[in-house]
């Protein structure tokens, strides 16, 4: 069993990246804006669910927000690991 995310949401992205087998995501929406791609995903991991909203310029997230049902919103400004999560999700999206 993978490590659960604490109710504070602390280290959530790092925990998800270390336990990728328990991380599940589903693409809800994608569209292009000014040559950049916008994506909206539902994210599921162990004891939490949420949404991942990102704007990608090539393989670089320009804007990203992970909104967890713990009442915590994680952005590129407050967690540098979110860039890695965005790339992982994009690279592993099943079409």
C-alpha atoms as a PDB file:
ATOM      1  CA  UNK A   1       0.000   0.000   0.000  1.00  0.00           C
ATOM      2  CA  UNK A   2       1.300   3.421  -0.950  1.00  0.00           C
ATOM      3  CA  UNK A   3       1.786   6.234   1.502  1.00  0.00           C
ATOM      4  CA  UNK A   4      -1.342   8.305   2.087  1.00  0.00           C
ATOM      5  CA  UNK A   5      -1.303  12.057   1.777  1.00  0.00           C
ATOM      6  CA  UNK A   6      -1.718  13.796   5.147  1.00  0.00           C
ATOM      7  CA  UNK A   7      -4.881  15.843   5.705  1.00  0.00           C
ATOM      8  CA  UNK A   8      -2.777  19.026   5.578  1.00  0.00           C
ATOM      9  CA  UNK A   9      -1.774  18.167   1.998  1.00  0.00           C
ATOM     10  CA  UNK A  10       1.892  18.648   2.884  1.00  0.00           C
ATOM     11  CA  UNK A  11       4.207  17.011   0.352  1.00  0.00           C
ATOM     12  CA  UNK A  12       1.270  15.783  -1.747  1.00  0.00           C
ATOM     13  CA  UNK A  13       2.965  16.124  -5.139  1.00  0.00           C
ATOM     14  CA  UNK A  14       6.192  14.491  -3.940  1.00  0.00           C
ATOM     15  CA  UNK A  15       4.236  11.568  -2.453  1.00  0.00           C
ATOM     16  CA  UNK A  16       2.282  11.089  -5.703  1.00  0.00           C
ATOM     17  CA  UNK A  17       5.476  11.100  -7.771  1.00  0.00           C
ATOM     18  CA  UNK A  18       7.111   8.509  -5.506  1.00  0.00           C
ATOM     19  CA  UNK A  19       4.060   6.215  -5.728  1.00  0.00           C
ATOM     20  CA  UNK A  20       3.062   6.542  -9.387  1.00  0.00           C
ATOM     21  CA  UNK A  21       1.427   3.095  -9.478  1.00  0.00           C
ATOM     22  CA  UNK A  22      -1.314   4.435  -7.207  1.00  0.00           C
ATOM     23  CA  UNK A  23      -1.752   7.680  -9.148  1.00  0.00           C
ATOM     24  CA  UNK A  24      -4.600   7.687 -11.661  1.00  0.00           C
ATOM     25  CA  UNK A  25      -5.730  10.505 -13.906  1.00  0.00           C
ATOM     26  CA  UNK A  26      -8.306  11.071 -16.590  1.00  0.00           C
ATOM     27  CA  UNK A  27      -8.306  13.826 -19.209  1.00  0.00           C
ATOM     28  CA  UNK A  28     -11.541  15.830 -19.090  1.00  0.00           C
ATOM     29  CA  UNK A  29     -10.776  18.586 -21.539  1.00  0.00           C
ATOM     30  CA  UNK A  30      -8.019  19.936 -23.758  1.00  0.00           C
ATOM     31  CA  UNK A  31      -7.811  22.796 -26.217  1.00  0.00           C
ATOM     32  CA  UNK A  32      -5.282  25.081 -27.846  1.00  0.00           C
ATOM     33  CA  UNK A  33      -4.905  28.756 -26.920  1.00  0.00           C
ATOM     34  CA  UNK A  34      -2.411  30.967 -28.768  1.00  0.00           C
ATOM     35  CA  UNK A  35      -0.183  28.008 -29.653  1.00  0.00           C
ATOM     36  CA  UNK A  36      -0.260  26.639 -26.091  1.00  0.00           C
ATOM     37  CA  UNK A  37      -2.230  23.613 -24.920  1.00  0.00           C
ATOM     38  CA  UNK A  38      -4.627  23.794 -21.985  1.00  0.00           C
ATOM     39  CA  UNK A  39      -5.550  20.584 -20.112  1.00  0.00           C
ATOM     40  CA  UNK A  40      -7.992  19.693 -17.351  1.00  0.00           C
ATOM     41  CA  UNK A  41      -7.552  16.333 -15.591  1.00  0.00           C
ATOM     42  CA  UNK A  42      -9.296  14.495 -12.782  1.00  0.00           C
ATOM     43  CA  UNK A  43      -6.629  13.130 -10.418  1.00  0.00           C
ATOM     44  CA  UNK A  44      -7.057  10.192  -8.020  1.00  0.00           C
ATOM     45  CA  UNK A  45      -4.522   8.980  -5.468  1.00  0.00           C
ATOM     46  CA  UNK A  46      -5.144   6.741  -2.428  1.00  0.00           C
ATOM     47  CA  UNK A  47      -7.107   8.969  -0.044  1.00  0.00           C
ATOM     48  CA  UNK A  48      -7.494  12.112  -2.197  1.00  0.00           C
ATOM     49  CA  UNK A  49      -8.977  13.254  -5.462  1.00  0.00           C
ATOM     50  CA  UNK A  50      -8.900  16.550  -7.267  1.00  0.00           C
ATOM     51  CA  UNK A  51      -8.307  18.356 -10.511  1.00  0.00           C
ATOM     52  CA  UNK A  52      -5.138  19.320 -12.322  1.00  0.00           C
ATOM     53  CA  UNK A  53      -5.458  22.339 -14.588  1.00  0.00           C
ATOM     54  CA  UNK A  54      -2.437  23.298 -16.684  1.00  0.00           C
ATOM     55  CA  UNK A  55      -1.340  25.420 -19.609  1.00  0.00           C
ATOM     56  CA  UNK A  56       1.636  23.902 -21.444  1.00  0.00           C
ATOM     57  CA  UNK A  57       4.037  25.626 -23.809  1.00  0.00           C
ATOM     58  CA  UNK A  58       5.645  22.613 -25.475  1.00  0.00           C
ATOM     59  CA  UNK A  59       6.677  20.374 -22.582  1.00  0.00           C
ATOM     60  CA  UNK A  60       6.894  23.224 -20.053  1.00  0.00           C
ATOM     61  CA  UNK A  61       3.977  24.106 -17.784  1.00  0.00           C
ATOM     62  CA  UNK A  62       3.374  27.864 -17.847  1.00  0.00           C
ATOM     63  CA  UNK A  63       0.451  27.790 -15.411  1.00  0.00           C
ATOM     64  CA  UNK A  64      -0.592  24.813 -13.292  1.00  0.00           C
ATOM     65  CA  UNK A  65      -2.864  24.251 -10.302  1.00  0.00           C
ATOM     66  CA  UNK A  66      -3.605  21.008  -8.482  1.00  0.00           C
ATOM     67  CA  UNK A  67      -6.819  21.428  -6.487  1.00  0.00           C
ATOM     68  CA  UNK A  68      -7.179  18.615  -3.937  1.00  0.00           C
ATOM     69  CA  UNK A  69     -10.307  17.663  -2.011  1.00  0.00           C
ATOM     70  CA  UNK A  70      -8.324  18.377   1.177  1.00  0.00           C
ATOM     71  CA  UNK A  71      -8.994  22.073   0.635  1.00  0.00           C
ATOM     72  CA  UNK A  72      -5.469  22.615  -0.634  1.00  0.00           C
ATOM     73  CA  UNK A  73      -4.471  24.207  -3.949  1.00  0.00           C
ATOM     74  CA  UNK A  74      -0.927  23.529  -5.126  1.00  0.00           C
ATOM     75  CA  UNK A  75       0.589  25.801  -7.777  1.00  0.00           C
ATOM     76  CA  UNK A  76       3.920  26.129  -9.542  1.00  0.00           C
ATOM     77  CA  UNK A  77       4.760  28.944  -7.126  1.00  0.00           C
ATOM     78  CA  UNK A  78       4.370  26.872  -3.966  1.00  0.00           C
ATOM     79  CA  UNK A  79       5.633  23.448  -5.141  1.00  0.00           C
ATOM     80  CA  UNK A  80       8.364  23.015  -7.751  1.00  0.00           C
ATOM     81  CA  UNK A  81       7.543  19.294  -8.026  1.00  0.00           C
ATOM     82  CA  UNK A  82       4.293  20.225  -9.776  1.00  0.00           C
ATOM     83  CA  UNK A  83       6.300  20.710 -12.997  1.00  0.00           C
ATOM     84  CA  UNK A  84       7.387  17.046 -12.805  1.00  0.00           C
ATOM     85  CA  UNK A  85       3.818  15.907 -12.130  1.00  0.00           C
ATOM     86  CA  UNK A  86       2.499  17.881 -15.124  1.00  0.00           C
ATOM     87  CA  UNK A  87       5.096  16.339 -17.441  1.00  0.00           C
ATOM     88  CA  UNK A  88       4.404  12.842 -16.078  1.00  0.00           C
ATOM     89  CA  UNK A  89       0.649  13.207 -16.600  1.00  0.00           C
ATOM     90  CA  UNK A  90       1.045  14.550 -20.166  1.00  0.00           C
ATOM     91  CA  UNK A  91       3.559  11.844 -21.129  1.00  0.00           C
ATOM     92  CA  UNK A  92       1.361   9.068 -19.726  1.00  0.00           C
ATOM     93  CA  UNK A  93      -2.048  10.162 -20.979  1.00  0.00           C
ATOM     94  CA  UNK A  94      -3.727   7.345 -22.884  1.00  0.00           C
ATOM     95  CA  UNK A  95      -5.401   8.633 -26.005  1.00  0.00           C
END
